[in-house]
Amino acid sequence: MVQNDPIRVWARLVGHKDDEIDLAEAALLIAQTEYPNLDIGAELARLDQLAARVCLPEDGSPLSNIEALNEFLFEKEKFAGNEEEYDDPRNSYLNDVLDRRQGIPITLSLIYTEVGQRHGLPVLGVGFPGHFLVKYLTGTSEILIDAYNRGAILSSENCEERLKQHFGLEAKLKPQFLAGSTRNQILTRMLSNLKGSYFRRQNFPKVLTMIELSLAVDPGSSQDVRDRGMVYFAMRRYGAAMADFEAYLKISSREDPHVPEVLQAIHRIRALMN
């Protein structure tokens, strides 16, 4: 039935103002595209119950609170980064991460912030390039936390070193890399991770689902329109691919480095359809 379609429900949810979006609910709607019978209310209750078992220290200092969260989530509850199967799509579905106690930086950070925020702690996600982080706002400063590495506290020097390891020695740390992420930015990044994971598995129907969810967040995304066209092309749905490629060319600049690739695909489709 239409009201049970997670994509339609998702579109309504992300259509709200950013600060009105329930991030955990939205993440679970992504999971519902994989698990149609997923009980979102029950999963949210699991997060509530998880948070209820956290015992924060009486002094309430940021470092003490972080230590208590780390001990609870990583020592007691055994949440951990899934290094052996990092690309497993289950690492991106919040219900699976709660079940398996394994995830990637963004989903472990999501659990960290959801648990912390249920105690009123000023923790939020940070879309650091290549490795999602958490930060704790102390009022006068910020403490950066790596939920993927058992809540390790990072300095700006640590972050710059990671940038260089990931992107090369010329990479420089910019202030925007440590800015708090909006809810839509977090959800878009989760979808991008799933899109890439399913594309590497050549599971094109799943890739299309993630693209449709992304387009509900940003209907004008030329990248998603182009990517959908490429997936349709791979699936030999040439008419749909051509429509997306033509739409992409209308909304993208001629300086876009992907334009030649799209023009080549259009040429190939026309040759196949002759």
C-alpha atoms as a PDB file:
ATOM      1  CA  MET A   1       0.000   0.000   0.000  1.00  0.00           C
ATOM      2  CA  VAL A   2       1.173   3.536  -0.697  1.00  0.00           C
ATOM      3  CA  GLN A   3       1.319   4.566   2.963  1.00  0.00           C
ATOM      4  CA  ASN A   4       3.741   1.698   3.636  1.00  0.00           C
ATOM      5  CA  ASP A   5       6.114   2.687   0.845  1.00  0.00           C
ATOM      6  CA  PRO A   6       9.311   3.725   2.677  1.00  0.00           C
ATOM      7  CA  ILE A   7      10.400   5.976  -0.189  1.00  0.00           C
ATOM      8  CA  ARG A   8       7.165   8.004   0.006  1.00  0.00           C
ATOM      9  CA  VAL A   9       7.365   8.183   3.800  1.00  0.00           C
ATOM     10  CA  TRP A  10      11.026   9.157   3.484  1.00  0.00           C
ATOM     11  CA  ALA A  11      10.220  11.941   1.025  1.00  0.00           C
ATOM     12  CA  ARG A  12       7.716  13.426   3.471  1.00  0.00           C
ATOM     13  CA  LEU A  13      10.175  13.188   6.369  1.00  0.00           C
ATOM     14  CA  VAL A  14      13.127  14.808   4.615  1.00  0.00           C
ATOM     15  CA  GLY A  15      10.806  17.494   3.300  1.00  0.00           C
ATOM     16  CA  HIS A  16      10.668  18.955   6.807  1.00  0.00           C
ATOM     17  CA  LYS A  17      13.050  21.644   8.014  1.00  0.00           C
ATOM     18  CA  ASP A  18      16.435  20.116   8.674  1.00  0.00           C
ATOM     19  CA  ASP A  19      16.289  20.533  12.446  1.00  0.00           C
ATOM     20  CA  GLU A  20      12.849  18.872  12.517  1.00  0.00           C
ATOM     21  CA  ILE A  21      14.058  15.650  10.883  1.00  0.00           C
ATOM     22  CA  ASP A  22      14.322  12.678  13.236  1.00  0.00           C
ATOM     23  CA  LEU A  23      17.706  11.372  12.125  1.00  0.00           C
ATOM     24  CA  ALA A  24      17.316   7.891  13.590  1.00  0.00           C
ATOM     25  CA  GLU A  25      13.854   7.482  12.066  1.00  0.00           C
ATOM     26  CA  ALA A  26      15.158   8.594   8.677  1.00  0.00           C
ATOM     27  CA  ALA A  27      18.085   6.171   8.910  1.00  0.00           C
ATOM     28  CA  LEU A  28      15.650   3.364   9.718  1.00  0.00           C
ATOM     29  CA  LEU A  29      13.513   4.290   6.705  1.00  0.00           C
ATOM     30  CA  ILE A  30      16.602   3.703   4.582  1.00  0.00           C
ATOM     31  CA  ALA A  31      16.865   0.275   6.204  1.00  0.00           C
ATOM     32  CA  GLN A  32      13.184  -0.386   5.532  1.00  0.00           C
ATOM     33  CA  THR A  33      13.900  -0.409   1.800  1.00  0.00           C
ATOM     34  CA  GLU A  34      15.970  -3.536   2.513  1.00  0.00           C
ATOM     35  CA  TYR A  35      13.766  -4.905   5.312  1.00  0.00           C
ATOM     36  CA  PRO A  36      10.138  -4.108   4.397  1.00  0.00           C
ATOM     37  CA  ASN A  37       8.771  -5.543   7.648  1.00  0.00           C
ATOM     38  CA  LEU A  38      11.123  -3.553   9.857  1.00  0.00           C
ATOM     39  CA  ASP A  39       9.279  -2.106  12.867  1.00  0.00           C
ATOM     40  CA  ILE A  40      10.699   1.406  13.067  1.00  0.00           C
ATOM     41  CA  GLY A  41       8.980   2.180  16.349  1.00  0.00           C
ATOM     42  CA  ALA A  42      10.511  -0.906  17.942  1.00  0.00           C
ATOM     43  CA  GLU A  43      13.973   0.025  16.629  1.00  0.00           C
ATOM     44  CA  LEU A  44      13.670   3.539  18.033  1.00  0.00           C
ATOM     45  CA  ALA A  45      12.671   1.991  21.354  1.00  0.00           C
ATOM     46  CA  ARG A  46      15.869  -0.059  21.230  1.00  0.00           C
ATOM     47  CA  LEU A  47      17.861   3.171  21.036  1.00  0.00           C
ATOM     48  CA  ASP A  48      15.888   4.561  23.973  1.00  0.00           C
ATOM     49  CA  GLN A  49      16.586   1.412  25.983  1.00  0.00           C
ATOM     50  CA  LEU A  50      20.255   1.514  25.060  1.00  0.00           C
ATOM     51  CA  ALA A  51      20.546   5.099  26.240  1.00  0.00           C
ATOM     52  CA  ALA A  52      18.638   4.331  29.440  1.00  0.00           C
ATOM     53  CA  ARG A  53      21.398   1.954  30.516  1.00  0.00           C
ATOM     54  CA  VAL A  54      24.132   4.590  30.322  1.00  0.00           C
ATOM     55  CA  CYS A  55      25.316   5.884  33.693  1.00  0.00           C
ATOM     56  CA  LEU A  56      26.862   9.326  33.349  1.00  0.00           C
ATOM     57  CA  PRO A  57      29.191  10.631  36.081  1.00  0.00           C
ATOM     58  CA  GLU A  58      27.983  13.113  38.665  1.00  0.00           C
ATOM     59  CA  ASP A  59      30.582  15.743  37.799  1.00  0.00           C
ATOM     60  CA  GLY A  60      29.148  16.022  34.290  1.00  0.00           C
ATOM     61  CA  SER A  61      32.409  17.185  32.727  1.00  0.00           C
ATOM     62  CA  PRO A  62      32.755  16.642  28.963  1.00  0.00           C
ATOM     63  CA  LEU A  63      35.720  14.284  29.302  1.00  0.00           C
ATOM     64  CA  SER A  64      33.986  12.266  32.005  1.00  0.00           C
ATOM     65  CA  ASN A  65      30.838  12.006  29.907  1.00  0.00           C
ATOM     66  CA  ILE A  66      32.843  10.886  26.890  1.00  0.00           C
ATOM     67  CA  GLU A  67      34.654   8.299  28.976  1.00  0.00           C
ATOM     68  CA  ALA A  68      31.340   6.966  30.289  1.00  0.00           C
ATOM     69  CA  LEU A  69      29.836   6.767  26.786  1.00  0.00           C
ATOM     70  CA  ASN A  70      32.938   5.051  25.451  1.00  0.00           C
ATOM     71  CA  GLU A  71      32.996   2.516  28.256  1.00  0.00           C
ATOM     72  CA  PHE A  72      29.310   1.714  27.803  1.00  0.00           C
ATOM     73  CA  LEU A  73      29.195   1.508  24.001  1.00  0.00           C
ATOM     74  CA  PHE A  74      32.583  -0.036  23.260  1.00  0.00           C
ATOM     75  CA  GLU A  75      33.455  -1.985  26.389  1.00  0.00           C
ATOM     76  CA  LYS A  76      30.092  -3.145  27.699  1.00  0.00           C
ATOM     77  CA  GLU A  77      27.959  -3.224  24.538  1.00  0.00           C
ATOM     78  CA  LYS A  78      30.876  -4.200  22.249  1.00  0.00           C
ATOM     79  CA  PHE A  79      30.129  -1.852  19.365  1.00  0.00           C
ATOM     80  CA  ALA A  80      33.077  -1.894  16.967  1.00  0.00           C
ATOM     81  CA  GLY A  81      34.214  -0.945  13.503  1.00  0.00           C
ATOM     82  CA  ASN A  82      33.781  -3.741  10.982  1.00  0.00           C
ATOM     83  CA  GLU A  83      37.261  -3.753   9.501  1.00  0.00           C
ATOM     84  CA  GLU A  84      37.032  -7.226   7.964  1.00  0.00           C
ATOM     85  CA  GLU A  85      33.849  -6.513   5.980  1.00  0.00           C
ATOM     86  CA  TYR A  86      33.879  -2.739   5.754  1.00  0.00           C
ATOM     87  CA  ASP A  87      31.971  -2.661   2.461  1.00  0.00           C
ATOM     88  CA  ASP A  88      29.138  -4.902   3.681  1.00  0.00           C
ATOM     89  CA  PRO A  89      25.864  -2.972   3.152  1.00  0.00           C
ATOM     90  CA  ARG A  90      24.669  -4.136   6.564  1.00  0.00           C
ATOM     91  CA  ASN A  91      27.186  -1.740   8.110  1.00  0.00           C
ATOM     92  CA  SER A  92      25.027   1.103   6.776  1.00  0.00           C
ATOM     93  CA  TYR A  93      21.654  -0.120   8.040  1.00  0.00           C
ATOM     94  CA  LEU A  94      20.993   1.116  11.563  1.00  0.00           C
ATOM     95  CA  ASN A  95      18.980  -1.946  12.616  1.00  0.00           C
ATOM     96  CA  ASP A  96      21.787  -4.261  11.477  1.00  0.00           C
ATOM     97  CA  VAL A  97      24.363  -2.223  13.374  1.00  0.00           C
ATOM     98  CA  LEU A  98      22.236  -2.488  16.514  1.00  0.00           C
ATOM     99  CA  ASP A  99      21.884  -6.237  15.956  1.00  0.00           C
ATOM    100  CA  ARG A 100      25.456  -7.063  15.012  1.00  0.00           C
ATOM    101  CA  ARG A 101      27.260  -4.380  17.045  1.00  0.00           C
ATOM    102  CA  GLN A 102      29.378  -3.635  13.965  1.00  0.00           C
ATOM    103  CA  GLY A 103      29.363  -0.687  11.610  1.00  0.00           C
ATOM    104  CA  ILE A 104      31.296   1.949   9.732  1.00  0.00           C
ATOM    105  CA  PRO A 105      32.191   5.438  11.009  1.00  0.00           C
ATOM    106  CA  ILE A 106      28.922   7.128  10.096  1.00  0.00           C
ATOM    107  CA  THR A 107      26.567   4.542  11.593  1.00  0.00           C
ATOM    108  CA  LEU A 108      28.623   4.129  14.764  1.00  0.00           C
ATOM    109  CA  SER A 109      28.717   7.919  15.045  1.00  0.00           C
ATOM    110  CA  LEU A 110      24.946   7.992  14.611  1.00  0.00           C
ATOM    111  CA  ILE A 111      24.459   5.579  17.496  1.00  0.00           C
ATOM    112  CA  TYR A 112      26.955   7.559  19.590  1.00  0.00           C
ATOM    113  CA  THR A 113      25.134  10.851  19.017  1.00  0.00           C
ATOM    114  CA  GLU A 114      21.650   9.355  19.416  1.00  0.00           C
ATOM    115  CA  VAL A 115      22.595   7.821  22.764  1.00  0.00           C
ATOM    116  CA  GLY A 116      24.381  10.978  23.908  1.00  0.00           C
ATOM    117  CA  GLN A 117      21.590  13.326  22.833  1.00  0.00           C
ATOM    118  CA  ARG A 118      19.061  11.262  24.784  1.00  0.00           C
ATOM    119  CA  HIS A 119      21.001  12.395  27.858  1.00  0.00           C
ATOM    120  CA  GLY A 120      21.094  16.002  26.676  1.00  0.00           C
ATOM    121  CA  LEU A 121      24.767  15.846  25.719  1.00  0.00           C
ATOM    122  CA  PRO A 122      25.901  18.345  23.039  1.00  0.00           C
ATOM    123  CA  VAL A 123      27.202  15.766  20.566  1.00  0.00           C
ATOM    124  CA  LEU A 124      26.759  15.931  16.802  1.00  0.00           C
ATOM    125  CA  GLY A 125      28.071  14.354  13.639  1.00  0.00           C
ATOM    126  CA  VAL A 126      30.983  15.754  11.640  1.00  0.00           C
ATOM    127  CA  GLY A 127      31.288  14.938   7.939  1.00  0.00           C
ATOM    128  CA  PHE A 128      35.068  14.751   7.950  1.00  0.00           C
ATOM    129  CA  PRO A 129      36.324  13.670   4.502  1.00  0.00           C
ATOM    130  CA  GLY A 130      36.774   9.920   4.248  1.00  0.00           C
ATOM    131  CA  HIS A 131      35.934   9.179   7.889  1.00  0.00           C
ATOM    132  CA  PHE A 132      32.842  10.437   9.703  1.00  0.00           C
ATOM    133  CA  LEU A 133      33.437  11.782  13.233  1.00  0.00           C
ATOM    134  CA  VAL A 134      31.570  13.085  16.281  1.00  0.00           C
ATOM    135  CA  LYS A 135      32.214  16.270  18.193  1.00  0.00           C
ATOM    136  CA  TYR A 136      31.278  17.261  21.717  1.00  0.00           C
ATOM    137  CA  LEU A 137      30.573  20.977  22.182  1.00  0.00           C
ATOM    138  CA  THR A 138      31.945  22.112  25.532  1.00  0.00           C
ATOM    139  CA  GLY A 139      30.803  25.732  25.281  1.00  0.00           C
ATOM    140  CA  THR A 140      34.278  27.135  24.867  1.00  0.00           C
ATOM    141  CA  SER A 141      35.787  24.479  22.578  1.00  0.00           C
ATOM    142  CA  GLU A 142      35.094  21.224  20.783  1.00  0.00           C
ATOM    143  CA  ILE A 143      36.277  17.686  21.396  1.00  0.00           C
ATOM    144  CA  LEU A 144      36.569  15.468  18.326  1.00  0.00           C
ATOM    145  CA  ILE A 145      35.697  11.798  18.795  1.00  0.00           C
ATOM    146  CA  ASP A 146      36.225   8.804  16.507  1.00  0.00           C
ATOM    147  CA  ALA A 147      33.351   6.396  17.188  1.00  0.00           C
ATOM    148  CA  TYR A 148      34.822   3.887  14.724  1.00  0.00           C
ATOM    149  CA  ASN A 149      37.956   3.625  16.846  1.00  0.00           C
ATOM    150  CA  ARG A 150      36.332   3.082  20.240  1.00  0.00           C
ATOM    151  CA  GLY A 151      35.684   6.753  20.910  1.00  0.00           C
ATOM    152  CA  ALA A 152      39.284   7.911  20.555  1.00  0.00           C
ATOM    153  CA  ILE A 153      39.734  11.658  21.079  1.00  0.00           C
ATOM    154  CA  LEU A 154      41.426  13.383  18.155  1.00  0.00           C
ATOM    155  CA  SER A 155      43.416  16.583  17.862  1.00  0.00           C
ATOM    156  CA  SER A 156      43.409  18.788  14.785  1.00  0.00           C
ATOM    157  CA  GLU A 157      46.902  17.422  14.077  1.00  0.00           C
ATOM    158  CA  ASN A 158      45.508  13.887  14.109  1.00  0.00           C
ATOM    159  CA  CYS A 159      42.843  14.966  11.619  1.00  0.00           C
ATOM    160  CA  GLU A 160      45.340  16.573   9.270  1.00  0.00           C
ATOM    161  CA  GLU A 161      47.481  13.448   9.402  1.00  0.00           C
ATOM    162  CA  ARG A 162      44.463  11.348   8.447  1.00  0.00           C
ATOM    163  CA  LEU A 163      43.708  13.651   5.546  1.00  0.00           C
ATOM    164  CA  LYS A 164      47.226  13.228   4.206  1.00  0.00           C
ATOM    165  CA  GLN A 165      47.052   9.451   4.601  1.00  0.00           C
ATOM    166  CA  HIS A 166      43.770   9.318   2.731  1.00  0.00           C
ATOM    167  CA  PHE A 167      44.171  12.028   0.091  1.00  0.00           C
ATOM    168  CA  GLY A 168      47.922  12.581  -0.225  1.00  0.00           C
ATOM    169  CA  LEU A 169      50.604  14.759   1.340  1.00  0.00           C
ATOM    170  CA  GLU A 170      49.234  17.922  -0.298  1.00  0.00           C
ATOM    171  CA  ALA A 171      45.924  17.676   1.584  1.00  0.00           C
ATOM    172  CA  LYS A 172      45.327  20.486   4.076  1.00  0.00           C
ATOM    173  CA  LEU A 173      42.901  20.604   6.980  1.00  0.00           C
ATOM    174  CA  LYS A 174      40.180  23.196   6.368  1.00  0.00           C
ATOM    175  CA  PRO A 175      37.747  24.505   9.010  1.00  0.00           C
ATOM    176  CA  GLN A 176      34.733  23.237   7.061  1.00  0.00           C
ATOM    177  CA  PHE A 177      36.037  19.673   7.364  1.00  0.00           C
ATOM    178  CA  LEU A 178      35.332  19.815  11.103  1.00  0.00           C
ATOM    179  CA  ALA A 179      31.971  21.579  10.882  1.00  0.00           C
ATOM    180  CA  GLY A 180      28.878  19.896  12.240  1.00  0.00           C
ATOM    181  CA  SER A 181      26.828  18.127   9.580  1.00  0.00           C
ATOM    182  CA  THR A 182      23.183  18.850   8.921  1.00  0.00           C
ATOM    183  CA  ARG A 183      20.758  15.954   9.110  1.00  0.00           C
ATOM    184  CA  ASN A 184      20.334  15.989   5.348  1.00  0.00           C
ATOM    185  CA  GLN A 185      24.089  15.897   4.855  1.00  0.00           C
ATOM    186  CA  ILE A 186      24.357  12.870   7.124  1.00  0.00           C
ATOM    187  CA  LEU A 187      21.544  11.045   5.340  1.00  0.00           C
ATOM    188  CA  THR A 188      22.974  11.876   1.916  1.00  0.00           C
ATOM    189  CA  ARG A 189      26.340  10.470   2.984  1.00  0.00           C
ATOM    190  CA  MET A 190      24.711   7.276   4.252  1.00  0.00           C
ATOM    191  CA  LEU A 191      22.960   6.869   0.913  1.00  0.00           C
ATOM    192  CA  SER A 192      26.186   7.520  -0.975  1.00  0.00           C
ATOM    193  CA  ASN A 193      27.907   4.762   0.994  1.00  0.00           C
ATOM    194  CA  LEU A 194      25.116   2.306   0.189  1.00  0.00           C
ATOM    195  CA  LYS A 195      24.993   3.367  -3.433  1.00  0.00           C
ATOM    196  CA  GLY A 196      28.701   2.667  -3.801  1.00  0.00           C
ATOM    197  CA  SER A 197      28.503  -0.636  -1.950  1.00  0.00           C
ATOM    198  CA  TYR A 198      25.667  -1.929  -4.098  1.00  0.00           C
ATOM    199  CA  PHE A 199      27.250  -0.624  -7.298  1.00  0.00           C
ATOM    200  CA  ARG A 200      30.437  -2.557  -6.543  1.00  0.00           C
ATOM    201  CA  ARG A 201      28.214  -5.637  -6.189  1.00  0.00           C
ATOM    202  CA  GLN A 202      26.495  -4.825  -9.498  1.00  0.00           C
ATOM    203  CA  ASN A 203      23.160  -4.814  -7.659  1.00  0.00           C
ATOM    204  CA  PHE A 204      21.641  -2.127  -9.838  1.00  0.00           C
ATOM    205  CA  PRO A 205      18.061  -2.233  -8.483  1.00  0.00           C
ATOM    206  CA  LYS A 206      19.448  -1.432  -5.015  1.00  0.00           C
ATOM    207  CA  VAL A 207      21.566   1.379  -6.460  1.00  0.00           C
ATOM    208  CA  LEU A 208      18.437   2.848  -8.058  1.00  0.00           C
ATOM    209  CA  THR A 209      16.623   2.753  -4.718  1.00  0.00           C
ATOM    210  CA  MET A 210      19.413   4.722  -3.046  1.00  0.00           C
ATOM    211  CA  ILE A 211      19.430   7.250  -5.879  1.00  0.00           C
ATOM    212  CA  GLU A 212      15.667   7.749  -5.572  1.00  0.00           C
ATOM    213  CA  LEU A 213      16.084   8.394  -1.848  1.00  0.00           C
ATOM    214  CA  SER A 214      18.908  10.852  -2.580  1.00  0.00           C
ATOM    215  CA  LEU A 215      16.806  12.711  -5.123  1.00  0.00           C
ATOM    216  CA  ALA A 216      14.063  13.112  -2.528  1.00  0.00           C
ATOM    217  CA  VAL A 217      16.627  15.014  -0.421  1.00  0.00           C
ATOM    218  CA  ASP A 218      17.976  17.051  -3.355  1.00  0.00           C
ATOM    219  CA  PRO A 219      15.778  16.867  -6.480  1.00  0.00           C
ATOM    220  CA  GLY A 220      18.203  19.080  -8.375  1.00  0.00           C
ATOM    221  CA  SER A 221      21.255  16.854  -7.881  1.00  0.00           C
ATOM    222  CA  SER A 222      22.889  16.553 -11.294  1.00  0.00           C
ATOM    223  CA  GLN A 223      25.191  13.847  -9.932  1.00  0.00           C
ATOM    224  CA  ASP A 224      22.270  11.623  -8.955  1.00  0.00           C
ATOM    225  CA  VAL A 225      20.520  12.186 -12.282  1.00  0.00           C
ATOM    226  CA  ARG A 226      23.735  11.267 -14.100  1.00  0.00           C
ATOM    227  CA  ASP A 227      24.347   8.235 -11.898  1.00  0.00           C
ATOM    228  CA  ARG A 228      20.791   7.016 -12.418  1.00  0.00           C
ATOM    229  CA  GLY A 229      21.276   7.333 -16.160  1.00  0.00           C
ATOM    230  CA  MET A 230      24.470   5.293 -15.958  1.00  0.00           C
ATOM    231  CA  VAL A 231      22.701   2.587 -13.949  1.00  0.00           C
ATOM    232  CA  TYR A 232      19.849   2.484 -16.465  1.00  0.00           C
ATOM    233  CA  PHE A 233      22.459   2.218 -19.214  1.00  0.00           C
ATOM    234  CA  ALA A 234      24.119  -0.723 -17.438  1.00  0.00           C
ATOM    235  CA  MET A 235      20.687  -2.348 -17.121  1.00  0.00           C
ATOM    236  CA  ARG A 236      20.057  -1.777 -20.855  1.00  0.00           C
ATOM    237  CA  ARG A 237      17.097   0.455 -20.099  1.00  0.00           C
ATOM    238  CA  TYR A 238      18.186   2.790 -22.842  1.00  0.00           C
ATOM    239  CA  GLY A 239      15.113   5.005 -23.025  1.00  0.00           C
ATOM    240  CA  ALA A 240      15.251   5.810 -19.322  1.00  0.00           C
ATOM    241  CA  ALA A 241      19.022   6.316 -19.540  1.00  0.00           C
ATOM    242  CA  MET A 242      18.660   8.737 -22.450  1.00  0.00           C
ATOM    243  CA  ALA A 243      16.028  10.763 -20.578  1.00  0.00           C
ATOM    244  CA  ASP A 244      18.319  11.131 -17.574  1.00  0.00           C
ATOM    245  CA  PHE A 245      21.346  11.995 -19.674  1.00  0.00           C
ATOM    246  CA  GLU A 246      19.438  14.705 -21.508  1.00  0.00           C
ATOM    247  CA  ALA A 247      18.144  16.086 -18.210  1.00  0.00           C
ATOM    248  CA  TYR A 248      21.673  16.024 -16.806  1.00  0.00           C
ATOM    249  CA  LEU A 249      23.059  18.003 -19.740  1.00  0.00           C
ATOM    250  CA  LYS A 250      20.385  20.667 -19.230  1.00  0.00           C
ATOM    251  CA  ILE A 251      21.228  21.226 -15.551  1.00  0.00           C
ATOM    252  CA  SER A 252      25.014  20.810 -15.644  1.00  0.00           C
ATOM    253  CA  SER A 253      27.647  23.227 -16.902  1.00  0.00           C
ATOM    254  CA  ARG A 254      29.720  22.355 -19.938  1.00  0.00           C
ATOM    255  CA  GLU A 255      32.780  22.525 -17.688  1.00  0.00           C
ATOM    256  CA  ASP A 256      31.513  19.555 -15.699  1.00  0.00           C
ATOM    257  CA  PRO A 257      34.223  16.876 -16.108  1.00  0.00           C
ATOM    258  CA  HIS A 258      31.568  14.163 -16.483  1.00  0.00           C
ATOM    259  CA  VAL A 259      29.926  15.720 -19.553  1.00  0.00           C
ATOM    260  CA  PRO A 260      32.194  13.889 -22.062  1.00  0.00           C
ATOM    261  CA  GLU A 261      31.365  10.565 -20.411  1.00  0.00           C
ATOM    262  CA  VAL A 262      27.643  11.269 -20.703  1.00  0.00           C
ATOM    263  CA  LEU A 263      27.947  12.385 -24.325  1.00  0.00           C
ATOM    264  CA  GLN A 264      29.817   9.177 -25.110  1.00  0.00           C
ATOM    265  CA  ALA A 265      27.059   7.124 -23.461  1.00  0.00           C
ATOM    266  CA  ILE A 266      24.417   8.957 -25.492  1.00  0.00           C
ATOM    267  CA  HIS A 267      26.364   8.211 -28.659  1.00  0.00           C
ATOM    268  CA  ARG A 268      26.512   4.512 -27.751  1.00  0.00           C
ATOM    269  CA  ILE A 269      22.780   4.380 -27.016  1.00  0.00           C
ATOM    270  CA  ARG A 270      21.937   5.987 -30.349  1.00  0.00           C
ATOM    271  CA  ALA A 271      24.163   3.465 -32.120  1.00  0.00           C
ATOM    272  CA  LEU A 272      22.458   0.584 -30.280  1.00  0.00           C
ATOM    273  CA  MET A 273      18.969   1.890 -31.059  1.00  0.00           C
ATOM    274  CA  ASN A 274      19.598   2.369 -34.793  1.00  0.00           C
END
